[in-house]
């Protein structure tokens, strides 16, 4: 019983550590993306916005809260080379 509690606490501590690392990595990536002077937009596979930096001039651009909107019709679908 004590061993199970110890393992559960260790697993929770590891989960918290990994979550903190993921948050730090996301924050660093956001800082990097915001330094890009030109507009930068990222889309998922369904062409939904996942990120737009301030350079896009988009009212929905936000470093802290990327939106998952409907596919954009203002951008051409990427084609294979």
PDB file of N, CA and C in Angstrom:
ATOM      1  N   UNK A   1       0.820  -1.188   0.000  1.00  0.00           N
ATOM      2  CA  UNK A   1       0.000   0.000   0.000  1.00  0.00           C
ATOM      3  C   UNK A   1       0.867   1.255   0.000  1.00  0.00           C
ATOM      4  N   UNK A   2       1.871   1.321   0.860  1.00  0.00           N
ATOM      5  CA  UNK A   2       2.761   2.471   0.939  1.00  0.00           C
ATOM      6  C   UNK A   2       3.515   2.635  -0.379  1.00  0.00           C
ATOM      7  N   UNK A   3       3.906   1.521  -0.970  1.00  0.00           N
ATOM      8  CA  UNK A   3       4.614   1.554  -2.246  1.00  0.00           C
ATOM      9  C   UNK A   3       3.730   2.146  -3.358  1.00  0.00           C
ATOM     10  N   UNK A   4       2.450   1.812  -3.347  1.00  0.00           N
ATOM     11  CA  UNK A   4       1.527   2.349  -4.349  1.00  0.00           C
ATOM     12  C   UNK A   4       1.381   3.867  -4.201  1.00  0.00           C
ATOM     13  N   UNK A   5       1.295   4.329  -2.978  1.00  0.00           N
ATOM     14  CA  UNK A   5       1.177   5.768  -2.729  1.00  0.00           C
ATOM     15  C   UNK A   5       2.450   6.472  -3.181  1.00  0.00           C
ATOM     16  N   UNK A   6       3.599   5.887  -2.876  1.00  0.00           N
ATOM     17  CA  UNK A   6       4.879   6.462  -3.281  1.00  0.00           C
ATOM     18  C   UNK A   6       4.975   6.543  -4.803  1.00  0.00           C
ATOM     19  N   UNK A   7       4.559   5.490  -5.489  1.00  0.00           N
ATOM     20  CA  UNK A   7       4.585   5.468  -6.958  1.00  0.00           C
ATOM     21  C   UNK A   7       3.618   6.509  -7.524  1.00  0.00           C
ATOM     22  N   UNK A   8       2.463   6.634  -6.929  1.00  0.00           N
ATOM     23  CA  UNK A   8       1.478   7.613  -7.390  1.00  0.00           C
ATOM     24  C   UNK A   8       2.015   9.034  -7.216  1.00  0.00           C
ATOM     25  N   UNK A   9       2.661   9.295  -6.094  1.00  0.00           N
ATOM     26  CA  UNK A   9       3.236  10.625  -5.862  1.00  0.00           C
ATOM     27  C   UNK A   9       4.367  10.904  -6.840  1.00  0.00           C
ATOM     28  N   UNK A  10       5.181   9.910  -7.117  1.00  0.00           N
ATOM     29  CA  UNK A  10       6.275  10.081  -8.071  1.00  0.00           C
ATOM     30  C   UNK A  10       5.720  10.336  -9.471  1.00  0.00           C
ATOM     31  N   UNK A  11       4.678   9.629  -9.848  1.00  0.00           N
ATOM     32  CA  UNK A  11       4.052   9.826 -11.156  1.00  0.00           C
ATOM     33  C   UNK A  11       3.445  11.228 -11.257  1.00  0.00           C
ATOM     34  N   UNK A  12       2.811  11.685 -10.213  1.00  0.00           N
ATOM     35  CA  UNK A  12       2.224  13.026 -10.204  1.00  0.00           C
ATOM     36  C   UNK A  12       3.311  14.093 -10.286  1.00  0.00           C
ATOM     37  N   UNK A  13       4.409  13.897  -9.581  1.00  0.00           N
ATOM     38  CA  UNK A  13       5.519  14.852  -9.639  1.00  0.00           C
ATOM     39  C   UNK A  13       6.110  14.894 -11.047  1.00  0.00           C
ATOM     40  N   UNK A  14       6.234  13.750 -11.680  1.00  0.00           N
ATOM     41  CA  UNK A  14       6.749  13.684 -13.054  1.00  0.00           C
ATOM     42  C   UNK A  14       5.788  14.368 -14.015  1.00  0.00           C
ATOM     43  N   UNK A  15       4.494  14.162 -13.835  1.00  0.00           N
ATOM     44  CA  UNK A  15       3.490  14.812 -14.681  1.00  0.00           C
ATOM     45  C   UNK A  15       3.571  16.328 -14.536  1.00  0.00           C
ATOM     46  N   UNK A  16       3.715  16.795 -13.316  1.00  0.00           N
ATOM     47  CA  UNK A  16       3.819  18.233 -13.066  1.00  0.00           C
ATOM     48  C   UNK A  16       5.097  18.802 -13.689  1.00  0.00           C
ATOM     49  N   UNK A  17       6.190  18.074 -13.587  1.00  0.00           N
ATOM     50  CA  UNK A  17       7.453  18.511 -14.182  1.00  0.00           C
ATOM     51  C   UNK A  17       7.325  18.613 -15.699  1.00  0.00           C
ATOM     52  N   UNK A  18       6.725  17.597 -16.311  1.00  0.00           N
ATOM     53  CA  UNK A  18       6.555  17.604 -17.764  1.00  0.00           C
ATOM     54  C   UNK A  18       5.613  18.719 -18.220  1.00  0.00           C
ATOM     55  N   UNK A  19       4.575  18.963 -17.449  1.00  0.00           N
ATOM     56  CA  UNK A  19       3.642  20.041 -17.782  1.00  0.00           C
ATOM     57  C   UNK A  19       4.351  21.388 -17.709  1.00  0.00           C
ATOM     58  N   UNK A  20       5.191  21.579 -16.703  1.00  0.00           N
ATOM     59  CA  UNK A  20       5.939  22.833 -16.570  1.00  0.00           C
ATOM     60  C   UNK A  20       6.919  23.002 -17.730  1.00  0.00           C
ATOM     61  N   UNK A  21       7.566  21.916 -18.148  1.00  0.00           N
ATOM     62  CA  UNK A  21       8.476  21.970 -19.288  1.00  0.00           C
ATOM     63  C   UNK A  21       7.725  22.321 -20.570  1.00  0.00           C
ATOM     64  N   UNK A  22       6.557  21.719 -20.765  1.00  0.00           N
ATOM     65  CA  UNK A  22       5.755  21.999 -21.961  1.00  0.00           C
ATOM     66  C   UNK A  22       5.313  23.462 -21.986  1.00  0.00           C
ATOM     67  N   UNK A  23       4.908  23.983 -20.847  1.00  0.00           N
ATOM     68  CA  UNK A  23       4.493  25.378 -20.762  1.00  0.00           C
ATOM     69  C   UNK A  23       5.666  26.300 -21.059  1.00  0.00           C
ATOM     70  N   UNK A  24       6.825  26.007 -20.514  1.00  0.00           N
ATOM     71  CA  UNK A  24       8.010  26.832 -20.758  1.00  0.00           C
ATOM     72  C   UNK A  24       8.395  26.794 -22.239  1.00  0.00           C
ATOM     73  N   UNK A  25       8.322  25.622 -22.863  1.00  0.00           N
ATOM     74  CA  UNK A  25       8.653  25.501 -24.283  1.00  0.00           C
ATOM     75  C   UNK A  25       7.654  26.274 -25.137  1.00  0.00           C
ATOM     76  N   UNK A  26       6.362  26.181 -24.811  1.00  0.00           N
ATOM     77  CA  UNK A  26       5.335  26.919 -25.555  1.00  0.00           C
ATOM     78  C   UNK A  26       5.556  28.418 -25.420  1.00  0.00           C
ATOM     79  N   UNK A  27       5.852  28.882 -24.203  1.00  0.00           N
ATOM     80  CA  UNK A  27       6.082  30.306 -23.970  1.00  0.00           C
ATOM     81  C   UNK A  27       7.300  30.800 -24.746  1.00  0.00           C
ATOM     82  N   UNK A  28       8.369  30.016 -24.771  1.00  0.00           N
ATOM     83  CA  UNK A  28       9.574  30.397 -25.519  1.00  0.00           C
ATOM     84  C   UNK A  28       9.276  30.453 -27.017  1.00  0.00           C
ATOM     85  N   UNK A  29       8.542  29.494 -27.530  1.00  0.00           N
ATOM     86  CA  UNK A  29       8.178  29.494 -28.947  1.00  0.00           C
ATOM     87  C   UNK A  29       7.313  30.717 -29.277  1.00  0.00           C
ATOM     88  N   UNK A  30       6.400  31.052 -28.395  1.00  0.00           N
ATOM     89  CA  UNK A  30       5.564  32.235 -28.599  1.00  0.00           C
ATOM     90  C   UNK A  30       6.415  33.489 -28.651  1.00  0.00           C
ATOM     91  N   UNK A  31       7.380  33.614 -27.745  1.00  0.00           N
ATOM     92  CA  UNK A  31       8.266  34.785 -27.757  1.00  0.00           C
ATOM     93  C   UNK A  31       9.037  34.858 -29.070  1.00  0.00           C
ATOM     94  N   UNK A  32       9.512  33.736 -29.549  1.00  0.00           N
ATOM     95  CA  UNK A  32      10.256  33.704 -30.814  1.00  0.00           C
ATOM     96  C   UNK A  32       9.353  34.113 -31.972  1.00  0.00           C
ATOM     97  N   UNK A  33       8.155  33.551 -32.029  1.00  0.00           N
ATOM     98  CA  UNK A  33       7.243  33.831 -33.128  1.00  0.00           C
ATOM     99  C   UNK A  33       6.821  35.298 -33.128  1.00  0.00           C
ATOM    100  N   UNK A  34       6.671  35.892 -31.967  1.00  0.00           N
ATOM    101  CA  UNK A  34       6.272  37.290 -31.881  1.00  0.00           C
ATOM    102  C   UNK A  34       7.388  38.235 -32.325  1.00  0.00           C
ATOM    103  N   UNK A  35       8.627  37.765 -32.316  1.00  0.00           N
ATOM    104  CA  UNK A  35       9.745  38.600 -32.761  1.00  0.00           C
ATOM    105  C   UNK A  35       9.824  38.684 -34.284  1.00  0.00           C
ATOM    106  N   UNK A  36       9.129  37.813 -34.988  1.00  0.00           N
ATOM    107  CA  UNK A  36       9.137  37.852 -36.446  1.00  0.00           C
ATOM    108  C   UNK A  36       8.409  39.125 -36.874  1.00  0.00           C
ATOM    109  N   UNK A  37       9.092  39.983 -37.626  1.00  0.00           N
ATOM    110  CA  UNK A  37       8.502  41.247 -38.036  1.00  0.00           C
ATOM    111  C   UNK A  37       7.387  41.083 -39.054  1.00  0.00           C
ATOM    112  N   UNK A  38       7.513  40.105 -39.923  1.00  0.00           N
ATOM    113  CA  UNK A  38       6.482  39.864 -40.927  1.00  0.00           C
ATOM    114  C   UNK A  38       5.340  39.075 -40.309  1.00  0.00           C
ATOM    115  N   UNK A  39       4.202  39.125 -40.971  1.00  0.00           N
ATOM    116  CA  UNK A  39       3.077  38.322 -40.514  1.00  0.00           C
ATOM    117  C   UNK A  39       3.385  36.848 -40.667  1.00  0.00           C
ATOM    118  N   UNK A  40       3.031  36.076 -39.680  1.00  0.00           N
ATOM    119  CA  UNK A  40       3.238  34.630 -39.710  1.00  0.00           C
ATOM    120  C   UNK A  40       1.968  33.972 -39.218  1.00  0.00           C
ATOM    121  N   UNK A  41       1.454  33.046 -40.015  1.00  0.00           N
ATOM    122  CA  UNK A  41       0.231  32.337 -39.662  1.00  0.00           C
ATOM    123  C   UNK A  41       0.503  30.847 -39.794  1.00  0.00           C
ATOM    124  N   UNK A  42       0.043  30.072 -38.836  1.00  0.00           N
ATOM    125  CA  UNK A  42       0.159  28.621 -38.898  1.00  0.00           C
ATOM    126  C   UNK A  42      -1.237  28.017 -38.974  1.00  0.00           C
ATOM    127  N   UNK A  43      -1.339  26.954 -39.738  1.00  0.00           N
ATOM    128  CA  UNK A  43      -2.607  26.255 -39.913  1.00  0.00           C
ATOM    129  C   UNK A  43      -2.435  24.794 -39.534  1.00  0.00           C
ATOM    130  N   UNK A  44      -3.525  24.146 -39.137  1.00  0.00           N
ATOM    131  CA  UNK A  44      -3.472  22.706 -38.929  1.00  0.00           C
ATOM    132  C   UNK A  44      -3.792  22.018 -40.256  1.00  0.00           C
ATOM    133  N   UNK A  45      -3.904  20.707 -40.239  1.00  0.00           N
ATOM    134  CA  UNK A  45      -4.150  19.953 -41.469  1.00  0.00           C
ATOM    135  C   UNK A  45      -5.487  20.268 -42.120  1.00  0.00           C
ATOM    136  N   UNK A  46      -6.423  20.764 -41.342  1.00  0.00           N
ATOM    137  CA  UNK A  46      -7.742  21.123 -41.866  1.00  0.00           C
ATOM    138  C   UNK A  46      -7.809  22.602 -42.245  1.00  0.00           C
ATOM    139  N   UNK A  47      -6.645  23.242 -42.316  1.00  0.00           N
ATOM    140  CA  UNK A  47      -6.508  24.664 -42.639  1.00  0.00           C
ATOM    141  C   UNK A  47      -7.244  25.574 -41.665  1.00  0.00           C
ATOM    142  N   UNK A  48      -7.260  25.171 -40.395  1.00  0.00           N
ATOM    143  CA  UNK A  48      -7.771  26.046 -39.346  1.00  0.00           C
ATOM    144  C   UNK A  48      -6.579  26.786 -38.762  1.00  0.00           C
ATOM    145  N   UNK A  49      -6.777  28.075 -38.463  1.00  0.00           N
ATOM    146  CA  UNK A  49      -5.702  28.836 -37.839  1.00  0.00           C
ATOM    147  C   UNK A  49      -5.318  28.174 -36.524  1.00  0.00           C
ATOM    148  N   UNK A  50      -4.021  28.038 -36.307  1.00  0.00           N
ATOM    149  CA  UNK A  50      -3.547  27.596 -35.001  1.00  0.00           C
ATOM    150  C   UNK A  50      -2.695  28.667 -34.341  1.00  0.00           C
ATOM    151  N   UNK A  51      -2.196  29.618 -35.170  1.00  0.00           N
ATOM    152  CA  UNK A  51      -1.377  30.697 -34.619  1.00  0.00           C
ATOM    153  C   UNK A  51      -1.299  31.826 -35.635  1.00  0.00           C
ATOM    154  N   UNK A  52      -1.348  33.053 -35.178  1.00  0.00           N
ATOM    155  CA  UNK A  52      -1.104  34.230 -36.006  1.00  0.00           C
ATOM    156  C   UNK A  52      -0.383  35.253 -35.141  1.00  0.00           C
ATOM    157  N   UNK A  53       0.820  35.667 -35.581  1.00  0.00           N
ATOM    158  CA  UNK A  53       1.546  36.640 -34.763  1.00  0.00           C
ATOM    159  C   UNK A  53       1.012  38.042 -34.997  1.00  0.00           C
ATOM    160  N   UNK A  54       1.517  38.990 -34.246  1.00  0.00           N
ATOM    161  CA  UNK A  54       1.041  40.363 -34.327  1.00  0.00           C
ATOM    162  C   UNK A  54       1.303  40.984 -35.692  1.00  0.00           C
ATOM    163  N   UNK A  55       2.300  40.492 -36.407  1.00  0.00           N
ATOM    164  CA  UNK A  55       2.630  41.027 -37.715  1.00  0.00           C
ATOM    165  C   UNK A  55       1.555  40.791 -38.759  1.00  0.00           C
ATOM    166  N   UNK A  56       0.598  39.933 -38.477  1.00  0.00           N
ATOM    167  CA  UNK A  56      -0.471  39.671 -39.444  1.00  0.00           C
ATOM    168  C   UNK A  56      -1.480  40.797 -39.463  1.00  0.00           C
ATOM    169  N   UNK A  57      -1.529  41.582 -38.405  1.00  0.00           N
ATOM    170  CA  UNK A  57      -2.516  42.647 -38.319  1.00  0.00           C
ATOM    171  C   UNK A  57      -3.919  42.123 -38.099  1.00  0.00           C
ATOM    172  N   UNK A  58      -4.036  40.838 -37.861  1.00  0.00           N
ATOM    173  CA  UNK A  58      -5.342  40.216 -37.650  1.00  0.00           C
ATOM    174  C   UNK A  58      -5.865  40.536 -36.262  1.00  0.00           C
ATOM    175  N   UNK A  59      -7.130  40.943 -36.149  1.00  0.00           N
ATOM    176  CA  UNK A  59      -7.673  41.217 -34.816  1.00  0.00           C
ATOM    177  C   UNK A  59      -7.732  39.969 -33.953  1.00  0.00           C
ATOM    178  N   UNK A  60      -7.681  38.806 -34.575  1.00  0.00           N
ATOM    179  CA  UNK A  60      -7.738  37.572 -33.785  1.00  0.00           C
ATOM    180  C   UNK A  60      -6.357  37.054 -33.451  1.00  0.00           C
ATOM    181  N   UNK A  61      -5.281  37.743 -33.896  1.00  0.00           N
ATOM    182  CA  UNK A  61      -3.947  37.254 -33.586  1.00  0.00           C
ATOM    183  C   UNK A  61      -3.681  37.423 -32.102  1.00  0.00           C
ATOM    184  N   UNK A  62      -3.205  36.353 -31.492  1.00  0.00           N
ATOM    185  CA  UNK A  62      -2.957  36.382 -30.060  1.00  0.00           C
ATOM    186  C   UNK A  62      -1.868  35.397 -29.726  1.00  0.00           C
ATOM    187  N   UNK A  63      -0.871  35.846 -29.018  1.00  0.00           N
ATOM    188  CA  UNK A  63       0.229  34.971 -28.638  1.00  0.00           C
ATOM    189  C   UNK A  63      -0.174  33.998 -27.556  1.00  0.00           C
ATOM    190  N   UNK A  64      -1.129  34.363 -26.743  1.00  0.00           N
ATOM    191  CA  UNK A  64      -1.451  33.510 -25.609  1.00  0.00           C
ATOM    192  C   UNK A  64      -2.629  32.597 -25.870  1.00  0.00           C
ATOM    193  N   UNK A  65      -3.404  32.867 -26.912  1.00  0.00           N
ATOM    194  CA  UNK A  65      -4.573  32.052 -27.128  1.00  0.00           C
ATOM    195  C   UNK A  65      -4.835  31.828 -28.598  1.00  0.00           C
ATOM    196  N   UNK A  66      -4.085  30.861 -29.185  1.00  0.00           N
ATOM    197  CA  UNK A  66      -4.314  30.575 -30.586  1.00  0.00           C
ATOM    198  C   UNK A  66      -5.736  30.088 -30.796  1.00  0.00           C
ATOM    199  N   UNK A  67      -6.317  30.466 -31.899  1.00  0.00           N
ATOM    200  CA  UNK A  67      -7.693  30.058 -32.147  1.00  0.00           C
ATOM    201  C   UNK A  67      -7.742  28.895 -33.119  1.00  0.00           C
ATOM    202  N   UNK A  68      -8.751  28.089 -32.975  1.00  0.00           N
ATOM    203  CA  UNK A  68      -9.002  27.013 -33.920  1.00  0.00           C
ATOM    204  C   UNK A  68     -10.278  27.382 -34.642  1.00  0.00           C
ATOM    205  N   UNK A  69     -10.133  28.180 -35.680  1.00  0.00           N
ATOM    206  CA  UNK A  69     -11.302  28.673 -36.389  1.00  0.00           C
ATOM    207  C   UNK A  69     -11.637  27.764 -37.557  1.00  0.00           C
ATOM    208  N   UNK A  70     -12.691  28.114 -38.251  1.00  0.00           N
ATOM    209  CA  UNK A  70     -13.064  27.389 -39.456  1.00  0.00           C
ATOM    210  C   UNK A  70     -11.973  27.581 -40.494  1.00  0.00           C
ATOM    211  N   UNK A  71     -11.851  26.687 -41.452  1.00  0.00           N
ATOM    212  CA  UNK A  71     -10.824  26.842 -42.486  1.00  0.00           C
ATOM    213  C   UNK A  71     -10.928  28.210 -43.158  1.00  0.00           C
ATOM    214  N   UNK A  72      -9.782  28.784 -43.441  1.00  0.00           N
ATOM    215  CA  UNK A  72      -9.747  30.113 -44.035  1.00  0.00           C
ATOM    216  C   UNK A  72      -9.936  30.036 -45.535  1.00  0.00           C
ATOM    217  N   UNK A  73     -10.853  30.839 -46.063  1.00  0.00           N
ATOM    218  CA  UNK A  73     -11.036  30.893 -47.501  1.00  0.00           C
ATOM    219  C   UNK A  73     -10.182  31.984 -48.110  1.00  0.00           C
ATOM    220  N   UNK A  74      -9.517  32.817 -47.259  1.00  0.00           N
ATOM    221  CA  UNK A  74      -8.700  33.887 -47.801  1.00  0.00           C
ATOM    222  C   UNK A  74      -7.302  33.437 -48.191  1.00  0.00           C
ATOM    223  N   UNK A  75      -6.973  32.212 -47.917  1.00  0.00           N
ATOM    224  CA  UNK A  75      -5.668  31.686 -48.261  1.00  0.00           C
ATOM    225  C   UNK A  75      -5.834  30.493 -49.195  1.00  0.00           C
ATOM    226  N   UNK A  76      -4.949  30.401 -50.158  1.00  0.00           N
ATOM    227  CA  UNK A  76      -5.002  29.268 -51.077  1.00  0.00           C
ATOM    228  C   UNK A  76      -4.545  28.012 -50.359  1.00  0.00           C
ATOM    229  N   UNK A  77      -5.152  26.903 -50.707  1.00  0.00           N
ATOM    230  CA  UNK A  77      -4.753  25.622 -50.123  1.00  0.00           C
ATOM    231  C   UNK A  77      -3.347  25.301 -50.590  1.00  0.00           C
ATOM    232  N   UNK A  78      -2.450  24.889 -49.671  1.00  0.00           N
ATOM    233  CA  UNK A  78      -1.092  24.539 -50.078  1.00  0.00           C
ATOM    234  C   UNK A  78      -1.112  23.388 -51.075  1.00  0.00           C
ATOM    235  N   UNK A  79      -0.168  23.420 -51.994  1.00  0.00           N
ATOM    236  CA  UNK A  79      -0.068  22.343 -52.967  1.00  0.00           C
ATOM    237  C   UNK A  79       1.262  21.642 -52.797  1.00  0.00           C
ATOM    238  N   UNK A  80       1.327  20.416 -53.232  1.00  0.00           N
ATOM    239  CA  UNK A  80       2.576  19.652 -53.150  1.00  0.00           C
ATOM    240  C   UNK A  80       3.528  20.118 -54.239  1.00  0.00           C
ATOM    241  N   UNK A  81       4.799  20.039 -53.935  1.00  0.00           N
ATOM    242  CA  UNK A  81       5.815  20.435 -54.932  1.00  0.00           C
ATOM    243  C   UNK A  81       6.121  19.294 -55.853  1.00  0.00           C
TER     244      UNK A  81
END
